[in-house]
Amino acid sequence: MAYTTIQSRRALELKVEITRIIALTFAGCFGGLLCAWVGINIVTSCGEVTRTIDGTYLKGECVLVPWVNPDIYDHYVE
């Protein structure tokens, strides 16, 4: 049976703890940015079609959504 010294065990535990802290920091940053991005697109009415008083249609702007083409209207819009 191989025994390790207390110093090497503590060094390994420290490396594991630092790695966990870095991973949780990155995960928290990614989650926060994702929530902010979704919130901004909700506020800007991303993809919602609005009819104006003169009968024209406006589509809500999408922020950082490259797969949405603002020039193409949905099928339910005349």
PDB file of N, CA and C in Angstrom:
ATOM      1  N   MET A   1       0.840  -1.159   0.000  1.00  0.00           N
ATOM      2  CA  MET A   1       0.000   0.000   0.000  1.00  0.00           C
ATOM      3  C   MET A   1       0.900   1.242   0.000  1.00  0.00           C
ATOM      4  N   ALA A   2       0.581   2.182  -0.864  1.00  0.00           N
ATOM      5  CA  ALA A   2       1.403   3.391  -0.977  1.00  0.00           C
ATOM      6  C   ALA A   2       0.806   4.493  -0.116  1.00  0.00           C
ATOM      7  N   TYR A   3       1.653   5.058   0.695  1.00  0.00           N
ATOM      8  CA  TYR A   3       1.228   6.148   1.557  1.00  0.00           C
ATOM      9  C   TYR A   3       1.772   7.465   1.007  1.00  0.00           C
ATOM     10  N   THR A   4       0.963   8.521   1.151  1.00  0.00           N
ATOM     11  CA  THR A   4       1.427   9.844   0.731  1.00  0.00           C
ATOM     12  C   THR A   4       1.635  10.699   1.971  1.00  0.00           C
ATOM     13  N   THR A   5       2.476  11.671   1.824  1.00  0.00           N
ATOM     14  CA  THR A   5       2.737  12.560   2.949  1.00  0.00           C
ATOM     15  C   THR A   5       1.596  13.564   3.088  1.00  0.00           C
ATOM     16  N   ILE A   6       1.508  14.149   4.241  1.00  0.00           N
ATOM     17  CA  ILE A   6       0.461  15.144   4.500  1.00  0.00           C
ATOM     18  C   ILE A   6       0.646  16.350   3.583  1.00  0.00           C
ATOM     19  N   GLN A   7       1.881  16.738   3.322  1.00  0.00           N
ATOM     20  CA  GLN A   7       2.128  17.895   2.469  1.00  0.00           C
ATOM     21  C   GLN A   7       1.654  17.652   1.038  1.00  0.00           C
ATOM     22  N   SER A   8       1.927  16.456   0.506  1.00  0.00           N
ATOM     23  CA  SER A   8       1.497  16.180  -0.866  1.00  0.00           C
ATOM     24  C   SER A   8      -0.026  16.053  -0.944  1.00  0.00           C
ATOM     25  N   ARG A   9      -0.654  15.523   0.101  1.00  0.00           N
ATOM     26  CA  ARG A   9      -2.115  15.426   0.123  1.00  0.00           C
ATOM     27  C   ARG A   9      -2.733  16.813   0.192  1.00  0.00           C
ATOM     28  N   ARG A  10      -2.167  17.696   1.012  1.00  0.00           N
ATOM     29  CA  ARG A  10      -2.682  19.067   1.111  1.00  0.00           C
ATOM     30  C   ARG A  10      -2.459  19.838  -0.187  1.00  0.00           C
ATOM     31  N   ALA A  11      -1.341  19.593  -0.855  1.00  0.00           N
ATOM     32  CA  ALA A  11      -1.083  20.250  -2.141  1.00  0.00           C
ATOM     33  C   ALA A  11      -2.102  19.803  -3.180  1.00  0.00           C
ATOM     34  N   LEU A  12      -2.448  18.523  -3.180  1.00  0.00           N
ATOM     35  CA  LEU A  12      -3.452  18.010  -4.117  1.00  0.00           C
ATOM     36  C   LEU A  12      -4.820  18.597  -3.801  1.00  0.00           C
ATOM     37  N   GLU A  13      -5.176  18.662  -2.519  1.00  0.00           N
ATOM     38  CA  GLU A  13      -6.462  19.245  -2.124  1.00  0.00           C
ATOM     39  C   GLU A  13      -6.532  20.718  -2.517  1.00  0.00           C
ATOM     40  N   LEU A  14      -5.416  21.433  -2.399  1.00  0.00           N
ATOM     41  CA  LEU A  14      -5.381  22.841  -2.787  1.00  0.00           C
ATOM     42  C   LEU A  14      -5.584  22.998  -4.293  1.00  0.00           C
ATOM     43  N   LYS A  15      -4.948  22.137  -5.085  1.00  0.00           N
ATOM     44  CA  LYS A  15      -5.124  22.185  -6.544  1.00  0.00           C
ATOM     45  C   LYS A  15      -6.573  21.900  -6.927  1.00  0.00           C
ATOM     46  N   VAL A  16      -7.176  20.923  -6.271  1.00  0.00           N
ATOM     47  CA  VAL A  16      -8.571  20.583  -6.554  1.00  0.00           C
ATOM     48  C   VAL A  16      -9.487  21.751  -6.189  1.00  0.00           C
ATOM     49  N   GLU A  17      -9.239  22.383  -5.055  1.00  0.00           N
ATOM     50  CA  GLU A  17     -10.062  23.513  -4.619  1.00  0.00           C
ATOM     51  C   GLU A  17      -9.916  24.704  -5.562  1.00  0.00           C
ATOM     52  N   ILE A  18      -8.718  25.004  -5.997  1.00  0.00           N
ATOM     53  CA  ILE A  18      -8.502  26.110  -6.937  1.00  0.00           C
ATOM     54  C   ILE A  18      -9.182  25.825  -8.273  1.00  0.00           C
ATOM     55  N   THR A  19      -9.083  24.593  -8.737  1.00  0.00           N
ATOM     56  CA  THR A  19      -9.747  24.215  -9.991  1.00  0.00           C
ATOM     57  C   THR A  19     -11.256  24.346  -9.862  1.00  0.00           C
ATOM     58  N   ARG A  20     -11.805  23.950  -8.723  1.00  0.00           N
ATOM     59  CA  ARG A  20     -13.254  24.059  -8.500  1.00  0.00           C
ATOM     60  C   ARG A  20     -13.687  25.520  -8.479  1.00  0.00           C
ATOM     61  N   ILE A  21     -12.919  26.370  -7.831  1.00  0.00           N
ATOM     62  CA  ILE A  21     -13.257  27.792  -7.766  1.00  0.00           C
ATOM     63  C   ILE A  21     -13.226  28.417  -9.162  1.00  0.00           C
ATOM     64  N   ILE A  22     -12.223  28.097  -9.947  1.00  0.00           N
ATOM     65  CA  ILE A  22     -12.125  28.640 -11.314  1.00  0.00           C
ATOM     66  C   ILE A  22     -13.291  28.153 -12.164  1.00  0.00           C
ATOM     67  N   ALA A  23     -13.625  26.872 -12.060  1.00  0.00           N
ATOM     68  CA  ALA A  23     -14.732  26.319 -12.849  1.00  0.00           C
ATOM     69  C   ALA A  23     -16.059  26.961 -12.457  1.00  0.00           C
ATOM     70  N   LEU A  24     -16.300  27.134 -11.166  1.00  0.00           N
ATOM     71  CA  LEU A  24     -17.545  27.767 -10.725  1.00  0.00           C
ATOM     72  C   LEU A  24     -17.613  29.235 -11.126  1.00  0.00           C
ATOM     73  N   THR A  25     -16.473  29.912 -11.141  1.00  0.00           N
ATOM     74  CA  THR A  25     -16.449  31.304 -11.584  1.00  0.00           C
ATOM     75  C   THR A  25     -16.818  31.407 -13.058  1.00  0.00           C
ATOM     76  N   PHE A  26     -16.232  30.551 -13.889  1.00  0.00           N
ATOM     77  CA  PHE A  26     -16.575  30.553 -15.315  1.00  0.00           C
ATOM     78  C   PHE A  26     -18.032  30.179 -15.546  1.00  0.00           C
ATOM     79  N   ALA A  27     -18.531  29.198 -14.813  1.00  0.00           N
ATOM     80  CA  ALA A  27     -19.933  28.797 -14.960  1.00  0.00           C
ATOM     81  C   ALA A  27     -20.870  29.919 -14.539  1.00  0.00           C
ATOM     82  N   GLY A  28     -20.533  30.613 -13.451  1.00  0.00           N
ATOM     83  CA  GLY A  28     -21.353  31.740 -13.004  1.00  0.00           C
ATOM     84  C   GLY A  28     -21.351  32.885 -14.000  1.00  0.00           C
ATOM     85  N   CYS A  29     -20.184  33.186 -14.556  1.00  0.00           N
ATOM     86  CA  CYS A  29     -20.096  34.247 -15.573  1.00  0.00           C
ATOM     87  C   CYS A  29     -20.912  33.889 -16.811  1.00  0.00           C
ATOM     88  N   PHE A  30     -20.800  32.651 -17.258  1.00  0.00           N
ATOM     89  CA  PHE A  30     -21.556  32.224 -18.433  1.00  0.00           C
ATOM     90  C   PHE A  30     -23.059  32.282 -18.163  1.00  0.00           C
ATOM     91  N   GLY A  31     -23.481  31.811 -17.003  1.00  0.00           N
ATOM     92  CA  GLY A  31     -24.903  31.850 -16.657  1.00  0.00           C
ATOM     93  C   GLY A  31     -25.418  33.281 -16.562  1.00  0.00           C
ATOM     94  N   GLY A  32     -24.624  34.166 -15.976  1.00  0.00           N
ATOM     95  CA  GLY A  32     -25.035  35.562 -15.870  1.00  0.00           C
ATOM     96  C   GLY A  32     -25.141  36.241 -17.224  1.00  0.00           C
ATOM     97  N   LEU A  33     -24.177  35.981 -18.097  1.00  0.00           N
ATOM     98  CA  LEU A  33     -24.231  36.560 -19.441  1.00  0.00           C
ATOM     99  C   LEU A  33     -25.415  36.018 -20.238  1.00  0.00           C
ATOM    100  N   LEU A  34     -25.711  34.739 -20.062  1.00  0.00           N
ATOM    101  CA  LEU A  34     -26.857  34.146 -20.756  1.00  0.00           C
ATOM    102  C   LEU A  34     -28.165  34.775 -20.280  1.00  0.00           C
ATOM    103  N   CYS A  35     -28.313  34.945 -18.975  1.00  0.00           N
ATOM    104  CA  CYS A  35     -29.523  35.583 -18.443  1.00  0.00           C
ATOM    105  C   CYS A  35     -29.634  37.033 -18.917  1.00  0.00           C
ATOM    106  N   ALA A  36     -28.529  37.755 -18.948  1.00  0.00           N
ATOM    107  CA  ALA A  36     -28.548  39.140 -19.418  1.00  0.00           C
ATOM    108  C   ALA A  36     -28.930  39.212 -20.891  1.00  0.00           C
ATOM    109  N   TRP A  37     -28.383  38.308 -21.699  1.00  0.00           N
ATOM    110  CA  TRP A  37     -28.694  38.281 -23.134  1.00  0.00           C
ATOM    111  C   TRP A  37     -30.180  37.996 -23.370  1.00  0.00           C
ATOM    112  N   VAL A  38     -30.718  37.026 -22.655  1.00  0.00           N
ATOM    113  CA  VAL A  38     -32.148  36.711 -22.796  1.00  0.00           C
ATOM    114  C   VAL A  38     -32.990  37.893 -22.331  1.00  0.00           C
ATOM    115  N   GLY A  39     -32.610  38.518 -21.225  1.00  0.00           N
ATOM    116  CA  GLY A  39     -33.363  39.671 -20.724  1.00  0.00           C
ATOM    117  C   GLY A  39     -33.351  40.842 -21.692  1.00  0.00           C
ATOM    118  N   ILE A  40     -32.202  41.121 -22.287  1.00  0.00           N
ATOM    119  CA  ILE A  40     -32.118  42.208 -23.268  1.00  0.00           C
ATOM    120  C   ILE A  40     -33.009  41.915 -24.467  1.00  0.00           C
ATOM    121  N   ASN A  41     -33.026  40.672 -24.931  1.00  0.00           N
ATOM    122  CA  ASN A  41     -33.864  40.340 -26.084  1.00  0.00           C
ATOM    123  C   ASN A  41     -35.347  40.345 -25.729  1.00  0.00           C
ATOM    124  N   ILE A  42     -35.688  40.088 -24.490  1.00  0.00           N
ATOM    125  CA  ILE A  42     -37.085  40.212 -24.072  1.00  0.00           C
ATOM    126  C   ILE A  42     -37.494  41.679 -24.047  1.00  0.00           C
ATOM    127  N   VAL A  43     -36.637  42.532 -23.516  1.00  0.00           N
ATOM    128  CA  VAL A  43     -36.935  43.965 -23.438  1.00  0.00           C
ATOM    129  C   VAL A  43     -37.054  44.582 -24.832  1.00  0.00           C
ATOM    130  N   THR A  44     -36.220  44.154 -25.777  1.00  0.00           N
ATOM    131  CA  THR A  44     -36.274  44.714 -27.129  1.00  0.00           C
ATOM    132  C   THR A  44     -37.318  44.046 -28.011  1.00  0.00           C
ATOM    133  N   SER A  45     -38.130  43.177 -27.456  1.00  0.00           N
ATOM    134  CA  SER A  45     -39.196  42.469 -28.187  1.00  0.00           C
ATOM    135  C   SER A  45     -38.645  41.711 -29.380  1.00  0.00           C
ATOM    136  N   CYS A  46     -37.666  40.906 -29.147  1.00  0.00           N
ATOM    137  CA  CYS A  46     -37.005  40.163 -30.217  1.00  0.00           C
ATOM    138  C   CYS A  46     -38.003  39.275 -30.961  1.00  0.00           C
ATOM    139  N   GLY A  47     -38.182  39.564 -32.238  1.00  0.00           N
ATOM    140  CA  GLY A  47     -39.016  38.741 -33.096  1.00  0.00           C
ATOM    141  C   GLY A  47     -40.497  39.021 -33.035  1.00  0.00           C
ATOM    142  N   GLU A  48     -40.943  39.860 -32.121  1.00  0.00           N
ATOM    143  CA  GLU A  48     -42.373  40.158 -32.044  1.00  0.00           C
ATOM    144  C   GLU A  48     -42.759  41.136 -33.149  1.00  0.00           C
ATOM    145  N   VAL A  49     -43.853  40.832 -33.815  1.00  0.00           N
ATOM    146  CA  VAL A  49     -44.330  41.685 -34.904  1.00  0.00           C
ATOM    147  C   VAL A  49     -45.399  42.621 -34.357  1.00  0.00           C
ATOM    148  N   THR A  50     -45.224  43.921 -34.609  1.00  0.00           N
ATOM    149  CA  THR A  50     -46.151  44.934 -34.124  1.00  0.00           C
ATOM    150  C   THR A  50     -46.723  45.683 -35.320  1.00  0.00           C
ATOM    151  N   ARG A  51     -48.035  45.866 -35.321  1.00  0.00           N
ATOM    152  CA  ARG A  51     -48.675  46.626 -36.393  1.00  0.00           C
ATOM    153  C   ARG A  51     -48.817  48.076 -35.951  1.00  0.00           C
ATOM    154  N   THR A  52     -48.362  48.992 -36.801  1.00  0.00           N
ATOM    155  CA  THR A  52     -48.429  50.411 -36.466  1.00  0.00           C
ATOM    156  C   THR A  52     -49.771  50.978 -36.878  1.00  0.00           C
ATOM    157  N   ILE A  53     -49.988  52.250 -36.565  1.00  0.00           N
ATOM    158  CA  ILE A  53     -51.266  52.901 -36.843  1.00  0.00           C
ATOM    159  C   ILE A  53     -51.544  53.037 -38.333  1.00  0.00           C
ATOM    160  N   ASP A  54     -50.494  53.183 -39.151  1.00  0.00           N
ATOM    161  CA  ASP A  54     -50.706  53.331 -40.590  1.00  0.00           C
ATOM    162  C   ASP A  54     -50.736  51.982 -41.313  1.00  0.00           C
ATOM    163  N   GLY A  55     -50.721  50.882 -40.589  1.00  0.00           N
ATOM    164  CA  GLY A  55     -50.881  49.560 -41.198  1.00  0.00           C
ATOM    165  C   GLY A  55     -49.591  48.832 -41.527  1.00  0.00           C
ATOM    166  N   THR A  56     -48.461  49.439 -41.282  1.00  0.00           N
ATOM    167  CA  THR A  56     -47.200  48.748 -41.545  1.00  0.00           C
ATOM    168  C   THR A  56     -46.830  47.867 -40.355  1.00  0.00           C
ATOM    169  N   TYR A  57     -45.973  46.924 -40.627  1.00  0.00           N
ATOM    170  CA  TYR A  57     -45.543  45.995 -39.583  1.00  0.00           C
ATOM    171  C   TYR A  57     -44.095  46.273 -39.212  1.00  0.00           C
ATOM    172  N   LEU A  58     -43.808  46.212 -37.926  1.00  0.00           N
ATOM    173  CA  LEU A  58     -42.454  46.347 -37.417  1.00  0.00           C
ATOM    174  C   LEU A  58     -42.103  45.079 -36.656  1.00  0.00           C
ATOM    175  N   LYS A  59     -40.921  44.588 -36.894  1.00  0.00           N
ATOM    176  CA  LYS A  59     -40.471  43.414 -36.155  1.00  0.00           C
ATOM    177  C   LYS A  59     -39.452  43.860 -35.119  1.00  0.00           C
ATOM    178  N   GLY A  60     -39.575  43.355 -33.887  1.00  0.00           N
ATOM    179  CA  GLY A  60     -38.680  43.743 -32.796  1.00  0.00           C
ATOM    180  C   GLY A  60     -37.237  43.391 -33.105  1.00  0.00           C
ATOM    181  N   GLU A  61     -36.328  44.245 -32.667  1.00  0.00           N
ATOM    182  CA  GLU A  61     -34.901  44.020 -32.907  1.00  0.00           C
ATOM    183  C   GLU A  61     -34.375  42.915 -32.001  1.00  0.00           C
ATOM    184  N   CYS A  62     -33.479  42.123 -32.554  1.00  0.00           N
ATOM    185  CA  CYS A  62     -32.823  41.074 -31.789  1.00  0.00           C
ATOM    186  C   CYS A  62     -31.357  41.448 -31.594  1.00  0.00           C
ATOM    187  N   VAL A  63     -30.865  41.308 -30.380  1.00  0.00           N
ATOM    188  CA  VAL A  63     -29.488  41.669 -30.044  1.00  0.00           C
ATOM    189  C   VAL A  63     -28.636  40.404 -30.034  1.00  0.00           C
ATOM    190  N   LEU A  64     -27.609  40.389 -30.858  1.00  0.00           N
ATOM    191  CA  LEU A  64     -26.678  39.258 -30.959  1.00  0.00           C
ATOM    192  C   LEU A  64     -27.376  37.935 -31.258  1.00  0.00           C
ATOM    193  N   VAL A  65     -28.314  37.979 -32.202  1.00  0.00           N
ATOM    194  CA  VAL A  65     -29.002  36.773 -32.655  1.00  0.00           C
ATOM    195  C   VAL A  65     -28.801  36.692 -34.165  1.00  0.00           C
ATOM    196  N   PRO A  66     -27.699  36.077 -34.614  1.00  0.00           N
ATOM    197  CA  PRO A  66     -27.391  36.094 -36.044  1.00  0.00           C
ATOM    198  C   PRO A  66     -28.315  35.219 -36.890  1.00  0.00           C
ATOM    199  N   TRP A  67     -29.023  34.285 -36.292  1.00  0.00           N
ATOM    200  CA  TRP A  67     -29.862  33.386 -37.085  1.00  0.00           C
ATOM    201  C   TRP A  67     -31.250  33.967 -37.352  1.00  0.00           C
ATOM    202  N   VAL A  68     -31.556  35.173 -36.863  1.00  0.00           N
ATOM    203  CA  VAL A  68     -32.829  35.823 -37.124  1.00  0.00           C
ATOM    204  C   VAL A  68     -32.609  36.904 -38.164  1.00  0.00           C
ATOM    205  N   ASN A  69     -33.312  36.797 -39.280  1.00  0.00           N
ATOM    206  CA  ASN A  69     -33.224  37.800 -40.333  1.00  0.00           C
ATOM    207  C   ASN A  69     -34.367  38.791 -40.139  1.00  0.00           C
ATOM    208  N   PRO A  70     -34.084  40.063 -39.841  1.00  0.00           N
ATOM    209  CA  PRO A  70     -35.160  41.021 -39.584  1.00  0.00           C
ATOM    210  C   PRO A  70     -35.960  41.394 -40.823  1.00  0.00           C
ATOM    211  N   ASP A  71     -35.462  41.047 -42.013  1.00  0.00           N
ATOM    212  CA  ASP A  71     -36.180  41.387 -43.242  1.00  0.00           C
ATOM    213  C   ASP A  71     -37.242  40.362 -43.600  1.00  0.00           C
ATOM    214  N   ILE A  72     -37.225  39.206 -42.972  1.00  0.00           N
ATOM    215  CA  ILE A  72     -38.199  38.147 -43.267  1.00  0.00           C
ATOM    216  C   ILE A  72     -39.255  38.140 -42.175  1.00  0.00           C
ATOM    217  N   TYR A  73     -40.525  38.277 -42.572  1.00  0.00           N
ATOM    218  CA  TYR A  73     -41.608  38.250 -41.596  1.00  0.00           C
ATOM    219  C   TYR A  73     -42.096  36.817 -41.423  1.00  0.00           C
ATOM    220  N   ASP A  74     -42.754  36.593 -40.305  1.00  0.00           N
ATOM    221  CA  ASP A  74     -43.295  35.271 -40.027  1.00  0.00           C
ATOM    222  C   ASP A  74     -44.477  34.985 -40.942  1.00  0.00           C
ATOM    223  N   HIS A  75     -44.901  33.716 -40.986  1.00  0.00           N
ATOM    224  CA  HIS A  75     -45.939  33.294 -41.929  1.00  0.00           C
ATOM    225  C   HIS A  75     -47.312  33.883 -41.626  1.00  0.00           C
ATOM    226  N   TYR A  76     -47.568  34.324 -40.401  1.00  0.00           N
ATOM    227  CA  TYR A  76     -48.881  34.840 -40.055  1.00  0.00           C
ATOM    228  C   TYR A  76     -49.045  36.325 -40.356  1.00  0.00           C
ATOM    229  N   VAL A  77     -48.014  36.974 -40.827  1.00  0.00           N
ATOM    230  CA  VAL A  77     -48.072  38.393 -41.146  1.00  0.00           C
ATOM    231  C   VAL A  77     -48.436  38.558 -42.607  1.00  0.00           C
ATOM    232  N   GLU A  78     -49.391  39.439 -42.891  1.00  0.00           N
ATOM    233  CA  GLU A  78     -49.831  39.655 -44.275  1.00  0.00           C
ATOM    234  C   GLU A  78     -48.810  40.443 -45.049  1.00  0.00           C
TER     235      GLU A  78
END
